[in-house]
C-alpha atoms as a PDB file:
ATOM      1  CA  MET A   1      14.551-138.392   6.053  1.00  0.00           C
ATOM      2  CA  GLU A   2      13.519-141.957   5.527  1.00  0.00           C
ATOM      3  CA  LYS A   3      11.778-143.079   2.334  1.00  0.00           C
ATOM      4  CA  GLN A   4       8.511-143.767   4.197  1.00  0.00           C
ATOM      5  CA  GLU A   5       8.506-140.274   5.724  1.00  0.00           C
ATOM      6  CA  TYR A   6       8.981-138.724   2.304  1.00  0.00           C
ATOM      7  CA  GLU A   7       6.090-140.823   0.966  1.00  0.00           C
ATOM      8  CA  TRP A   8       3.899-139.321   3.713  1.00  0.00           C
ATOM      9  CA  VAL A   9       5.030-135.825   2.710  1.00  0.00           C
ATOM     10  CA  LYS A  10       4.121-136.519  -0.932  1.00  0.00           C
ATOM     11  CA  GLN A  11       0.771-138.027   0.029  1.00  0.00           C
ATOM     12  CA  THR A  12      -0.244-135.084   2.212  1.00  0.00           C
ATOM     13  CA  ARG A  13       0.873-132.646  -0.499  1.00  0.00           C
ATOM     14  CA  GLN A  14      -1.312-134.469  -3.049  1.00  0.00           C
ATOM     15  CA  ILE A  15      -4.311-134.276  -0.708  1.00  0.00           C
ATOM     16  CA  LEU A  16      -3.756-130.561  -0.099  1.00  0.00           C
ATOM     17  CA  LEU A  17      -3.446-129.776  -3.811  1.00  0.00           C
ATOM     18  CA  ALA A  18      -6.510-131.886  -4.651  1.00  0.00           C
ATOM     19  CA  GLN A  19      -8.533-129.880  -2.122  1.00  0.00           C
ATOM     20  CA  CYS A  20      -7.225-126.586  -3.528  1.00  0.00           C
ATOM     21  CA  LYS A  21      -8.232-127.711  -7.010  1.00  0.00           C
ATOM     22  CA  GLU A  22     -11.859-127.719  -5.818  1.00  0.00           C
ATOM     23  CA  LEU A  23     -11.745-124.045  -4.809  1.00  0.00           C
ATOM     24  CA  ASN A  24     -12.939-121.341  -7.154  1.00  0.00           C
ATOM     25  CA  GLY A  25     -10.509-118.554  -8.031  1.00  0.00           C
ATOM     26  CA  ASP A  26     -12.048-116.032  -5.658  1.00  0.00           C
ATOM     27  CA  ASP A  27     -11.789-118.371  -2.659  1.00  0.00           C
ATOM     28  CA  PHE A  28      -8.253-119.366  -3.636  1.00  0.00           C
ATOM     29  CA  THR A  29      -7.036-115.752  -3.685  1.00  0.00           C
ATOM     30  CA  GLN A  30      -9.277-114.277  -0.968  1.00  0.00           C
ATOM     31  CA  GLU A  31      -7.221-112.358   1.569  1.00  0.00           C
ATOM     32  CA  LEU A  32      -7.823-113.835   5.002  1.00  0.00           C
ATOM     33  CA  GLY A  33      -6.147-111.128   7.090  1.00  0.00           C
ATOM     34  CA  PHE A  34      -3.533-113.337   8.745  1.00  0.00           C
ATOM     35  CA  GLY A  35      -0.543-115.514   7.909  1.00  0.00           C
ATOM     36  CA  SER A  36       0.310-115.492   4.219  1.00  0.00           C
ATOM     37  CA  GLN A  37      -2.922-113.611   3.431  1.00  0.00           C
ATOM     38  CA  SER A  38      -4.508-116.160   1.045  1.00  0.00           C
ATOM     39  CA  ILE A  39      -4.475-119.867   0.310  1.00  0.00           C
ATOM     40  CA  ARG A  40      -2.523-119.137  -2.878  1.00  0.00           C
ATOM     41  CA  ASP A  41       0.096-117.169  -0.954  1.00  0.00           C
ATOM     42  CA  SER A  42       0.331-119.964   1.623  1.00  0.00           C
ATOM     43  CA  LEU A  43       1.018-122.489  -1.154  1.00  0.00           C
ATOM     44  CA  ILE A  44       3.714-120.226  -2.588  1.00  0.00           C
ATOM     45  CA  HIS A  45       5.289-120.046   0.868  1.00  0.00           C
ATOM     46  CA  ILE A  46       5.117-123.847   1.217  1.00  0.00           C
ATOM     47  CA  ALA A  47       6.795-124.261  -2.191  1.00  0.00           C
ATOM     48  CA  GLY A  48       9.604-121.941  -1.132  1.00  0.00           C
ATOM     49  CA  CYS A  49      10.117-123.861   2.113  1.00  0.00           C
ATOM     50  CA  TYR A  50      10.052-127.173   0.259  1.00  0.00           C
ATOM     51  CA  HIS A  51      12.648-125.889  -2.221  1.00  0.00           C
ATOM     52  CA  ALA A  52      14.906-124.659   0.579  1.00  0.00           C
ATOM     53  CA  TRP A  53      14.506-127.860   2.584  1.00  0.00           C
ATOM     54  CA  LEU A  54      15.243-130.171  -0.338  1.00  0.00           C
ATOM     55  CA  GLY A  55      18.049-128.062  -1.709  1.00  0.00           C
ATOM     56  CA  SER A  56      19.738-127.272   1.581  1.00  0.00           C
ATOM     57  CA  PHE A  57      19.308-130.416   3.611  1.00  0.00           C
ATOM     58  CA  VAL A  58      18.837-133.176   1.055  1.00  0.00           C
ATOM     59  CA  LEU A  59      20.838-132.082  -1.977  1.00  0.00           C
ATOM     60  CA  LEU A  60      23.168-129.679  -0.142  1.00  0.00           C
ATOM     61  CA  GLN A  61      23.050-127.305  -3.109  1.00  0.00           C
ATOM     62  CA  THR A  62      20.558-124.497  -2.450  1.00  0.00           C
ATOM     63  CA  LYS A  63      22.349-121.274  -1.559  1.00  0.00           C
ATOM     64  CA  SER A  64      19.521-118.748  -1.956  1.00  0.00           C
ATOM     65  CA  PRO A  65      15.749-118.818  -1.506  1.00  0.00           C
ATOM     66  CA  LEU A  66      13.409-119.609  -4.390  1.00  0.00           C
ATOM     67  CA  LEU A  67      11.341-116.546  -3.514  1.00  0.00           C
ATOM     68  CA  PRO A  68      13.336-113.768  -1.824  1.00  0.00           C
ATOM     69  CA  LYS A  69      11.579-111.734   0.872  1.00  0.00           C
ATOM     70  CA  LYS A  70       9.748-108.683  -0.383  1.00  0.00           C
ATOM     71  CA  SER A  71      10.967-105.397   1.050  1.00  0.00           C
ATOM     72  CA  ASN A  72       8.169-103.144   2.283  1.00  0.00           C
END
């Protein structure tokens, strides 16, 4: 990834988190019935993907996920 592309990733992440900061707790955790269930859970998923992407492809060091899958 080029430096400019990573800057775009950081900028969009800052915008997303700024918008989430405006939500009240109930809206942030409200289960939506699809995807990751809530905005909070979606952000946790994004963080796990980001960790895996950086660790695996950029640093070549991540061997296991940040958040292992839950067994049902």
